[in-house]
Amino acid sequence: MGALWREVRIIWPVLSGIVLIQLGLGALIGRLEEWPVGDAAYFTFVTGLTIGYGDLVPIHLVTRLLAVLIAFSGILLTGLVAAVGVQALNAARHDPD
């Protein structure tokens, strides 16, 4: 756990920045589509995790393009989290303290 914590502290500004960008884009989509704030946040996380249930669908071209940006940033976020986990496991394996 110590190795994971050290790795997360290094990458935390990037991870939090990506999440803030996703939430900002989701809020913009929600405003343009006239969705409640809760629906916009839900849409952001479902799209960012590339689950895409399809219960909320943007109609306008601009909001669809913003949703694509959320999805790509979600893929980047997932990759970074996986990389941090792998790096922490490697560090823990090589440094047994």
PDB file of N, CA and C in Angstrom:
ATOM      1  N   MET A   1       0.829  -1.203   0.000  1.00  0.00           N
ATOM      2  CA  MET A   1       0.000   0.000   0.000  1.00  0.00           C
ATOM      3  C   MET A   1       0.864   1.253   0.000  1.00  0.00           C
ATOM      4  N   GLY A   2       2.036   1.155   0.642  1.00  0.00           N
ATOM      5  CA  GLY A   2       2.924   2.312   0.670  1.00  0.00           C
ATOM      6  C   GLY A   2       3.415   2.682  -0.720  1.00  0.00           C
ATOM      7  N   ALA A   3       3.721   1.667  -1.531  1.00  0.00           N
ATOM      8  CA  ALA A   3       4.176   1.921  -2.903  1.00  0.00           C
ATOM      9  C   ALA A   3       3.057   2.548  -3.729  1.00  0.00           C
ATOM     10  N   LEU A   4       1.842   2.068  -3.544  1.00  0.00           N
ATOM     11  CA  LEU A   4       0.707   2.640  -4.268  1.00  0.00           C
ATOM     12  C   LEU A   4       0.491   4.097  -3.876  1.00  0.00           C
ATOM     13  N   TRP A   5       0.571   4.381  -2.589  1.00  0.00           N
ATOM     14  CA  TRP A   5       0.384   5.751  -2.109  1.00  0.00           C
ATOM     15  C   TRP A   5       1.441   6.682  -2.698  1.00  0.00           C
ATOM     16  N   ARG A   6       2.699   6.223  -2.745  1.00  0.00           N
ATOM     17  CA  ARG A   6       3.774   7.053  -3.324  1.00  0.00           C
ATOM     18  C   ARG A   6       3.510   7.339  -4.791  1.00  0.00           C
ATOM     19  N   GLU A   7       3.046   6.337  -5.528  1.00  0.00           N
ATOM     20  CA  GLU A   7       2.767   6.519  -6.957  1.00  0.00           C
ATOM     21  C   GLU A   7       1.571   7.446  -7.172  1.00  0.00           C
ATOM     22  N   VAL A   8       0.540   7.295  -6.368  1.00  0.00           N
ATOM     23  CA  VAL A   8      -0.647   8.141  -6.509  1.00  0.00           C
ATOM     24  C   VAL A   8      -0.316   9.596  -6.187  1.00  0.00           C
ATOM     25  N   ARG A   9       0.536   9.828  -5.183  1.00  0.00           N
ATOM     26  CA  ARG A   9       0.917  11.208  -4.854  1.00  0.00           C
ATOM     27  C   ARG A   9       1.626  11.882  -6.014  1.00  0.00           C
ATOM     28  N   ILE A  10       2.382  11.122  -6.788  1.00  0.00           N
ATOM     29  CA  ILE A  10       3.102  11.702  -7.922  1.00  0.00           C
ATOM     30  C   ILE A  10       2.140  12.089  -9.035  1.00  0.00           C
ATOM     31  N   ILE A  11       1.187  11.227  -9.338  1.00  0.00           N
ATOM     32  CA  ILE A  11       0.313  11.419 -10.495  1.00  0.00           C
ATOM     33  C   ILE A  11      -0.998  12.124 -10.140  1.00  0.00           C
ATOM     34  N   TRP A  12      -1.218  12.406  -8.850  1.00  0.00           N
ATOM     35  CA  TRP A  12      -2.487  12.982  -8.404  1.00  0.00           C
ATOM     36  C   TRP A  12      -2.889  14.275  -9.135  1.00  0.00           C
ATOM     37  N   PRO A  13      -1.985  15.225  -9.377  1.00  0.00           N
ATOM     38  CA  PRO A  13      -2.423  16.430 -10.092  1.00  0.00           C
ATOM     39  C   PRO A  13      -2.975  16.134 -11.486  1.00  0.00           C
ATOM     40  N   VAL A  14      -2.399  15.172 -12.173  1.00  0.00           N
ATOM     41  CA  VAL A  14      -2.873  14.813 -13.507  1.00  0.00           C
ATOM     42  C   VAL A  14      -4.235  14.137 -13.412  1.00  0.00           C
ATOM     43  N   LEU A  15      -4.370  13.187 -12.497  1.00  0.00           N
ATOM     44  CA  LEU A  15      -5.645  12.491 -12.348  1.00  0.00           C
ATOM     45  C   LEU A  15      -6.777  13.438 -11.968  1.00  0.00           C
ATOM     46  N   SER A  16      -6.521  14.308 -11.008  1.00  0.00           N
ATOM     47  CA  SER A  16      -7.571  15.237 -10.585  1.00  0.00           C
ATOM     48  C   SER A  16      -7.888  16.238 -11.688  1.00  0.00           C
ATOM     49  N   GLY A  17      -6.883  16.630 -12.464  1.00  0.00           N
ATOM     50  CA  GLY A  17      -7.131  17.538 -13.587  1.00  0.00           C
ATOM     51  C   GLY A  17      -8.030  16.911 -14.635  1.00  0.00           C
ATOM     52  N   ILE A  18      -7.792  15.653 -14.947  1.00  0.00           N
ATOM     53  CA  ILE A  18      -8.630  14.960 -15.928  1.00  0.00           C
ATOM     54  C   ILE A  18     -10.064  14.840 -15.425  1.00  0.00           C
ATOM     55  N   VAL A  19     -10.232  14.498 -14.157  1.00  0.00           N
ATOM     56  CA  VAL A  19     -11.583  14.380 -13.592  1.00  0.00           C
ATOM     57  C   VAL A  19     -12.303  15.732 -13.607  1.00  0.00           C
ATOM     58  N   LEU A  20     -11.580  16.805 -13.283  1.00  0.00           N
ATOM     59  CA  LEU A  20     -12.193  18.142 -13.320  1.00  0.00           C
ATOM     60  C   LEU A  20     -12.590  18.537 -14.738  1.00  0.00           C
ATOM     61  N   ILE A  21     -11.756  18.211 -15.712  1.00  0.00           N
ATOM     62  CA  ILE A  21     -12.095  18.495 -17.113  1.00  0.00           C
ATOM     63  C   ILE A  21     -13.344  17.712 -17.514  1.00  0.00           C
ATOM     64  N   GLN A  22     -13.388  16.444 -17.125  1.00  0.00           N
ATOM     65  CA  GLN A  22     -14.563  15.633 -17.437  1.00  0.00           C
ATOM     66  C   GLN A  22     -15.826  16.229 -16.823  1.00  0.00           C
ATOM     67  N   LEU A  23     -15.738  16.613 -15.559  1.00  0.00           N
ATOM     68  CA  LEU A  23     -16.918  17.182 -14.896  1.00  0.00           C
ATOM     69  C   LEU A  23     -17.324  18.512 -15.521  1.00  0.00           C
ATOM     70  N   GLY A  24     -16.351  19.322 -15.919  1.00  0.00           N
ATOM     71  CA  GLY A  24     -16.660  20.580 -16.589  1.00  0.00           C
ATOM     72  C   GLY A  24     -17.355  20.353 -17.921  1.00  0.00           C
ATOM     73  N   LEU A  25     -16.834  19.408 -18.702  1.00  0.00           N
ATOM     74  CA  LEU A  25     -17.479  19.090 -19.980  1.00  0.00           C
ATOM     75  C   LEU A  25     -18.871  18.512 -19.760  1.00  0.00           C
ATOM     76  N   GLY A  26     -19.014  17.671 -18.737  1.00  0.00           N
ATOM     77  CA  GLY A  26     -20.328  17.111 -18.426  1.00  0.00           C
ATOM     78  C   GLY A  26     -21.328  18.165 -17.998  1.00  0.00           C
ATOM     79  N   ALA A  27     -20.854  19.137 -17.220  1.00  0.00           N
ATOM     80  CA  ALA A  27     -21.736  20.234 -16.807  1.00  0.00           C
ATOM     81  C   ALA A  27     -22.166  21.064 -18.017  1.00  0.00           C
ATOM     82  N   LEU A  28     -21.234  21.283 -18.934  1.00  0.00           N
ATOM     83  CA  LEU A  28     -21.573  22.029 -20.154  1.00  0.00           C
ATOM     84  C   LEU A  28     -22.583  21.261 -20.993  1.00  0.00           C
ATOM     85  N   ILE A  29     -22.376  19.964 -21.134  1.00  0.00           N
ATOM     86  CA  ILE A  29     -23.337  19.137 -21.874  1.00  0.00           C
ATOM     87  C   ILE A  29     -24.700  19.187 -21.198  1.00  0.00           C
ATOM     88  N   GLY A  30     -24.720  19.048 -19.875  1.00  0.00           N
ATOM     89  CA  GLY A  30     -25.979  19.093 -19.147  1.00  0.00           C
ATOM     90  C   GLY A  30     -26.706  20.409 -19.327  1.00  0.00           C
ATOM     91  N   ARG A  31     -25.936  21.490 -19.342  1.00  0.00           N
ATOM     92  CA  ARG A  31     -26.559  22.813 -19.530  1.00  0.00           C
ATOM     93  C   ARG A  31     -27.125  22.962 -20.937  1.00  0.00           C
ATOM     94  N   LEU A  32     -26.357  22.538 -21.933  1.00  0.00           N
ATOM     95  CA  LEU A  32     -26.820  22.656 -23.322  1.00  0.00           C
ATOM     96  C   LEU A  32     -27.988  21.725 -23.627  1.00  0.00           C
ATOM     97  N   GLU A  33     -28.006  20.568 -22.997  1.00  0.00           N
ATOM     98  CA  GLU A  33     -29.095  19.606 -23.205  1.00  0.00           C
ATOM     99  C   GLU A  33     -30.254  19.830 -22.236  1.00  0.00           C
ATOM    100  N   GLU A  34     -30.080  20.771 -21.295  1.00  0.00           N
ATOM    101  CA  GLU A  34     -31.089  21.103 -20.293  1.00  0.00           C
ATOM    102  C   GLU A  34     -31.414  19.906 -19.393  1.00  0.00           C
ATOM    103  N   TRP A  35     -30.356  19.223 -18.958  1.00  0.00           N
ATOM    104  CA  TRP A  35     -30.486  18.114 -18.015  1.00  0.00           C
ATOM    105  C   TRP A  35     -30.269  18.637 -16.605  1.00  0.00           C
ATOM    106  N   PRO A  36     -30.850  17.979 -15.603  1.00  0.00           N
ATOM    107  CA  PRO A  36     -30.533  18.329 -14.209  1.00  0.00           C
ATOM    108  C   PRO A  36     -29.054  18.034 -13.917  1.00  0.00           C
ATOM    109  N   VAL A  37     -28.523  18.673 -12.896  1.00  0.00           N
ATOM    110  CA  VAL A  37     -27.104  18.525 -12.550  1.00  0.00           C
ATOM    111  C   VAL A  37     -26.755  17.063 -12.254  1.00  0.00           C
ATOM    112  N   GLY A  38     -27.622  16.382 -11.539  1.00  0.00           N
ATOM    113  CA  GLY A  38     -27.375  14.968 -11.221  1.00  0.00           C
ATOM    114  C   GLY A  38     -27.291  14.103 -12.467  1.00  0.00           C
ATOM    115  N   ASP A  39     -28.176  14.358 -13.429  1.00  0.00           N
ATOM    116  CA  ASP A  39     -28.136  13.602 -14.683  1.00  0.00           C
ATOM    117  C   ASP A  39     -26.860  13.900 -15.459  1.00  0.00           C
ATOM    118  N   ALA A  40     -26.426  15.149 -15.441  1.00  0.00           N
ATOM    119  CA  ALA A  40     -25.202  15.517 -16.151  1.00  0.00           C
ATOM    120  C   ALA A  40     -23.987  14.836 -15.527  1.00  0.00           C
ATOM    121  N   ALA A  41     -23.926  14.791 -14.188  1.00  0.00           N
ATOM    122  CA  ALA A  41     -22.813  14.113 -13.510  1.00  0.00           C
ATOM    123  C   ALA A  41     -22.858  12.614 -13.784  1.00  0.00           C
ATOM    124  N   TYR A  42     -24.029  12.036 -13.732  1.00  0.00           N
ATOM    125  CA  TYR A  42     -24.201  10.608 -14.034  1.00  0.00           C
ATOM    126  C   TYR A  42     -23.740  10.318 -15.455  1.00  0.00           C
ATOM    127  N   PHE A  43     -24.177  11.127 -16.405  1.00  0.00           N
ATOM    128  CA  PHE A  43     -23.777  10.954 -17.805  1.00  0.00           C
ATOM    129  C   PHE A  43     -22.257  11.047 -17.950  1.00  0.00           C
ATOM    130  N   THR A  44     -21.652  11.988 -17.231  1.00  0.00           N
ATOM    131  CA  THR A  44     -20.202  12.173 -17.314  1.00  0.00           C
ATOM    132  C   THR A  44     -19.470  10.926 -16.859  1.00  0.00           C
ATOM    133  N   PHE A  45     -19.846  10.360 -15.719  1.00  0.00           N
ATOM    134  CA  PHE A  45     -19.153   9.182 -15.215  1.00  0.00           C
ATOM    135  C   PHE A  45     -19.424   7.944 -16.053  1.00  0.00           C
ATOM    136  N   VAL A  46     -20.657   7.780 -16.519  1.00  0.00           N
ATOM    137  CA  VAL A  46     -20.978   6.629 -17.363  1.00  0.00           C
ATOM    138  C   VAL A  46     -20.227   6.723 -18.690  1.00  0.00           C
ATOM    139  N   THR A  47     -20.132   7.905 -19.244  1.00  0.00           N
ATOM    140  CA  THR A  47     -19.407   8.088 -20.497  1.00  0.00           C
ATOM    141  C   THR A  47     -17.906   7.999 -20.276  1.00  0.00           C
ATOM    142  N   GLY A  48     -17.417   8.608 -19.203  1.00  0.00           N
ATOM    143  CA  GLY A  48     -15.982   8.584 -18.921  1.00  0.00           C
ATOM    144  C   GLY A  48     -15.460   7.192 -18.639  1.00  0.00           C
ATOM    145  N   LEU A  49     -16.277   6.357 -18.059  1.00  0.00           N
ATOM    146  CA  LEU A  49     -15.879   4.965 -17.816  1.00  0.00           C
ATOM    147  C   LEU A  49     -16.172   4.086 -19.026  1.00  0.00           C
ATOM    148  N   THR A  50     -16.635   4.689 -20.099  1.00  0.00           N
ATOM    149  CA  THR A  50     -16.994   4.035 -21.374  1.00  0.00           C
ATOM    150  C   THR A  50     -18.003   2.909 -21.176  1.00  0.00           C
ATOM    151  N   ILE A  51     -18.913   3.093 -20.235  1.00  0.00           N
ATOM    152  CA  ILE A  51     -19.991   2.120 -20.033  1.00  0.00           C
ATOM    153  C   ILE A  51     -21.103   2.406 -21.030  1.00  0.00           C
ATOM    154  N   GLY A  52     -21.592   3.632 -21.043  1.00  0.00           N
ATOM    155  CA  GLY A  52     -22.574   4.061 -22.019  1.00  0.00           C
ATOM    156  C   GLY A  52     -23.878   3.290 -22.000  1.00  0.00           C
ATOM    157  N   TYR A  53     -24.664   3.450 -20.963  1.00  0.00           N
ATOM    158  CA  TYR A  53     -25.940   2.742 -20.872  1.00  0.00           C
ATOM    159  C   TYR A  53     -26.929   3.178 -21.955  1.00  0.00           C
ATOM    160  N   GLY A  54     -26.871   4.412 -22.386  1.00  0.00           N
ATOM    161  CA  GLY A  54     -27.768   4.891 -23.426  1.00  0.00           C
ATOM    162  C   GLY A  54     -29.060   5.488 -22.911  1.00  0.00           C
ATOM    163  N   ASP A  55     -29.206   5.618 -21.592  1.00  0.00           N
ATOM    164  CA  ASP A  55     -30.426   6.204 -21.064  1.00  0.00           C
ATOM    165  C   ASP A  55     -30.425   7.728 -21.179  1.00  0.00           C
ATOM    166  N   LEU A  56     -29.238   8.340 -21.223  1.00  0.00           N
ATOM    167  CA  LEU A  56     -29.108   9.767 -21.504  1.00  0.00           C
ATOM    168  C   LEU A  56     -28.252   9.902 -22.767  1.00  0.00           C
ATOM    169  N   VAL A  57     -28.807  10.539 -23.772  1.00  0.00           N
ATOM    170  CA  VAL A  57     -28.107  10.656 -25.046  1.00  0.00           C
ATOM    171  C   VAL A  57     -28.118  12.121 -25.467  1.00  0.00           C
ATOM    172  N   PRO A  58     -26.945  12.710 -25.727  1.00  0.00           N
ATOM    173  CA  PRO A  58     -26.924  14.082 -26.221  1.00  0.00           C
ATOM    174  C   PRO A  58     -27.496  14.153 -27.638  1.00  0.00           C
ATOM    175  N   ILE A  59     -28.239  15.212 -27.889  1.00  0.00           N
ATOM    176  CA  ILE A  59     -28.922  15.354 -29.175  1.00  0.00           C
ATOM    177  C   ILE A  59     -28.145  16.281 -30.119  1.00  0.00           C
ATOM    178  N   HIS A  60     -27.606  17.359 -29.588  1.00  0.00           N
ATOM    179  CA  HIS A  60     -26.930  18.359 -30.409  1.00  0.00           C
ATOM    180  C   HIS A  60     -25.543  17.871 -30.838  1.00  0.00           C
ATOM    181  N   LEU A  61     -25.095  18.326 -31.994  1.00  0.00           N
ATOM    182  CA  LEU A  61     -23.795  17.924 -32.518  1.00  0.00           C
ATOM    183  C   LEU A  61     -22.661  18.330 -31.572  1.00  0.00           C
ATOM    184  N   VAL A  62     -22.739  19.544 -31.041  1.00  0.00           N
ATOM    185  CA  VAL A  62     -21.689  20.032 -30.144  1.00  0.00           C
ATOM    186  C   VAL A  62     -21.603  19.163 -28.890  1.00  0.00           C
ATOM    187  N   THR A  63     -22.737  18.820 -28.326  1.00  0.00           N
ATOM    188  CA  THR A  63     -22.719  18.015 -27.103  1.00  0.00           C
ATOM    189  C   THR A  63     -22.253  16.588 -27.380  1.00  0.00           C
ATOM    190  N   ARG A  64     -22.531  16.093 -28.559  1.00  0.00           N
ATOM    191  CA  ARG A  64     -22.027  14.764 -28.929  1.00  0.00           C
ATOM    192  C   ARG A  64     -20.502  14.782 -29.049  1.00  0.00           C
ATOM    193  N   LEU A  65     -19.967  15.829 -29.627  1.00  0.00           N
ATOM    194  CA  LEU A  65     -18.513  15.950 -29.735  1.00  0.00           C
ATOM    195  C   LEU A  65     -17.869  16.095 -28.360  1.00  0.00           C
ATOM    196  N   LEU A  66     -18.517  16.838 -27.474  1.00  0.00           N
ATOM    197  CA  LEU A  66     -18.012  16.950 -26.099  1.00  0.00           C
ATOM    198  C   LEU A  66     -18.059  15.606 -25.380  1.00  0.00           C
ATOM    199  N   ALA A  67     -19.086  14.813 -25.667  1.00  0.00           N
ATOM    200  CA  ALA A  67     -19.181  13.481 -25.063  1.00  0.00           C
ATOM    201  C   ALA A  67     -18.032  12.586 -25.540  1.00  0.00           C
ATOM    202  N   VAL A  68     -17.623  12.748 -26.790  1.00  0.00           N
ATOM    203  CA  VAL A  68     -16.475  11.993 -27.297  1.00  0.00           C
ATOM    204  C   VAL A  68     -15.213  12.396 -26.534  1.00  0.00           C
ATOM    205  N   LEU A  69     -15.064  13.685 -26.250  1.00  0.00           N
ATOM    206  CA  LEU A  69     -13.912  14.145 -25.463  1.00  0.00           C
ATOM    207  C   LEU A  69     -13.926  13.547 -24.055  1.00  0.00           C
ATOM    208  N   ILE A  70     -15.102  13.457 -23.461  1.00  0.00           N
ATOM    209  CA  ILE A  70     -15.214  12.830 -22.135  1.00  0.00           C
ATOM    210  C   ILE A  70     -14.794  11.367 -22.217  1.00  0.00           C
ATOM    211  N   ALA A  71     -15.233  10.673 -23.254  1.00  0.00           N
ATOM    212  CA  ALA A  71     -14.888   9.256 -23.390  1.00  0.00           C
ATOM    213  C   ALA A  71     -13.385   9.064 -23.580  1.00  0.00           C
ATOM    214  N   PHE A  72     -12.762   9.876 -24.435  1.00  0.00           N
ATOM    215  CA  PHE A  72     -11.318   9.762 -24.643  1.00  0.00           C
ATOM    216  C   PHE A  72     -10.539  10.083 -23.370  1.00  0.00           C
ATOM    217  N   SER A  73     -10.979  11.099 -22.653  1.00  0.00           N
ATOM    218  CA  SER A  73     -10.290  11.419 -21.402  1.00  0.00           C
ATOM    219  C   SER A  73     -10.513  10.316 -20.368  1.00  0.00           C
ATOM    220  N   GLY A  74     -11.650   9.649 -20.422  1.00  0.00           N
ATOM    221  CA  GLY A  74     -11.899   8.517 -19.531  1.00  0.00           C
ATOM    222  C   GLY A  74     -10.983   7.343 -19.831  1.00  0.00           C
ATOM    223  N   ILE A  75     -10.720   7.107 -21.108  1.00  0.00           N
ATOM    224  CA  ILE A  75      -9.778   6.053 -21.485  1.00  0.00           C
ATOM    225  C   ILE A  75      -8.390   6.404 -20.970  1.00  0.00           C
ATOM    226  N   LEU A  76      -8.000   7.668 -21.118  1.00  0.00           N
ATOM    227  CA  LEU A  76      -6.704   8.125 -20.610  1.00  0.00           C
ATOM    228  C   LEU A  76      -6.632   7.960 -19.093  1.00  0.00           C
ATOM    229  N   LEU A  77      -7.681   8.341 -18.402  1.00  0.00           N
ATOM    230  CA  LEU A  77      -7.722   8.220 -16.943  1.00  0.00           C
ATOM    231  C   LEU A  77      -7.603   6.760 -16.503  1.00  0.00           C
ATOM    232  N   THR A  78      -8.335   5.876 -17.154  1.00  0.00           N
ATOM    233  CA  THR A  78      -8.275   4.459 -16.825  1.00  0.00           C
ATOM    234  C   THR A  78      -6.876   3.899 -17.069  1.00  0.00           C
ATOM    235  N   GLY A  79      -6.254   4.296 -18.165  1.00  0.00           N
ATOM    236  CA  GLY A  79      -4.896   3.853 -18.457  1.00  0.00           C
ATOM    237  C   GLY A  79      -3.893   4.335 -17.428  1.00  0.00           C
ATOM    238  N   LEU A  80      -4.049   5.583 -16.991  1.00  0.00           N
ATOM    239  CA  LEU A  80      -3.143   6.109 -15.973  1.00  0.00           C
ATOM    240  C   LEU A  80      -3.299   5.390 -14.639  1.00  0.00           C
ATOM    241  N   VAL A  81      -4.533   5.108 -14.262  1.00  0.00           N
ATOM    242  CA  VAL A  81      -4.773   4.391 -13.008  1.00  0.00           C
ATOM    243  C   VAL A  81      -4.176   2.984 -13.084  1.00  0.00           C
ATOM    244  N   ALA A  82      -4.343   2.321 -14.215  1.00  0.00           N
ATOM    245  CA  ALA A  82      -3.760   0.989 -14.383  1.00  0.00           C
ATOM    246  C   ALA A  82      -2.235   1.053 -14.343  1.00  0.00           C
ATOM    247  N   ALA A  83      -1.656   2.056 -14.989  1.00  0.00           N
ATOM    248  CA  ALA A  83      -0.196   2.205 -14.994  1.00  0.00           C
ATOM    249  C   ALA A  83       0.342   2.463 -13.594  1.00  0.00           C
ATOM    250  N   VAL A  84      -0.369   3.266 -12.817  1.00  0.00           N
ATOM    251  CA  VAL A  84       0.056   3.531 -11.440  1.00  0.00           C
ATOM    252  C   VAL A  84      -0.001   2.246 -10.620  1.00  0.00           C
ATOM    253  N   GLY A  85      -1.039   1.451 -10.811  1.00  0.00           N
ATOM    254  CA  GLY A  85      -1.140   0.184 -10.095  1.00  0.00           C
ATOM    255  C   GLY A  85      -0.014  -0.775 -10.453  1.00  0.00           C
ATOM    256  N   VAL A  86       0.301  -0.870 -11.731  1.00  0.00           N
ATOM    257  CA  VAL A  86       1.397  -1.745 -12.164  1.00  0.00           C
ATOM    258  C   VAL A  86       2.724  -1.248 -11.613  1.00  0.00           C
ATOM    259  N   GLN A  87       2.951   0.050 -11.690  1.00  0.00           N
ATOM    260  CA  GLN A  87       4.197   0.617 -11.174  1.00  0.00           C
ATOM    261  C   GLN A  87       4.325   0.379  -9.671  1.00  0.00           C
ATOM    262  N   ALA A  88       3.234   0.509  -8.944  1.00  0.00           N
ATOM    263  CA  ALA A  88       3.268   0.276  -7.503  1.00  0.00           C
ATOM    264  C   ALA A  88       3.558  -1.191  -7.189  1.00  0.00           C
ATOM    265  N   LEU A  89       2.974  -2.095  -7.963  1.00  0.00           N
ATOM    266  CA  LEU A  89       3.254  -3.511  -7.761  1.00  0.00           C
ATOM    267  C   LEU A  89       4.717  -3.835  -8.052  1.00  0.00           C
ATOM    268  N   ASN A  90       5.264  -3.260  -9.115  1.00  0.00           N
ATOM    269  CA  ASN A  90       6.676  -3.474  -9.430  1.00  0.00           C
ATOM    270  C   ASN A  90       7.578  -2.898  -8.338  1.00  0.00           C
ATOM    271  N   ALA A  91       7.241  -1.722  -7.852  1.00  0.00           N
ATOM    272  CA  ALA A  91       8.046  -1.098  -6.798  1.00  0.00           C
ATOM    273  C   ALA A  91       7.962  -1.921  -5.505  1.00  0.00           C
ATOM    274  N   ALA A  92       6.799  -2.435  -5.183  1.00  0.00           N
ATOM    275  CA  ALA A  92       6.639  -3.239  -3.966  1.00  0.00           C
ATOM    276  C   ALA A  92       7.389  -4.564  -4.090  1.00  0.00           C
ATOM    277  N   ARG A  93       7.439  -5.098  -5.284  1.00  0.00           N
ATOM    278  CA  ARG A  93       8.130  -6.374  -5.500  1.00  0.00           C
ATOM    279  C   ARG A  93       9.643  -6.211  -5.365  1.00  0.00           C
ATOM    280  N   HIS A  94      10.157  -5.069  -5.853  1.00  0.00           N
ATOM    281  CA  HIS A  94      11.601  -4.837  -5.811  1.00  0.00           C
ATOM    282  C   HIS A  94      12.085  -4.205  -4.519  1.00  0.00           C
ATOM    283  N   ASP A  95      11.184  -3.590  -3.762  1.00  0.00           N
ATOM    284  CA  ASP A  95      11.552  -2.919  -2.511  1.00  0.00           C
ATOM    285  C   ASP A  95      10.661  -3.465  -1.383  1.00  0.00           C
ATOM    286  N   PRO A  96      11.067  -4.509  -0.693  1.00  0.00           N
ATOM    287  CA  PRO A  96      10.179  -5.171   0.267  1.00  0.00           C
ATOM    288  C   PRO A  96       9.955  -4.471   1.594  1.00  0.00           C
ATOM    289  N   ASP A  97      10.302  -3.191   1.736  1.00  0.00           N
ATOM    290  CA  ASP A  97      10.072  -2.534   3.033  1.00  0.00           C
ATOM    291  C   ASP A  97       8.676  -2.056   3.076  1.00  0.00           C
TER     292      ASP A  97
END
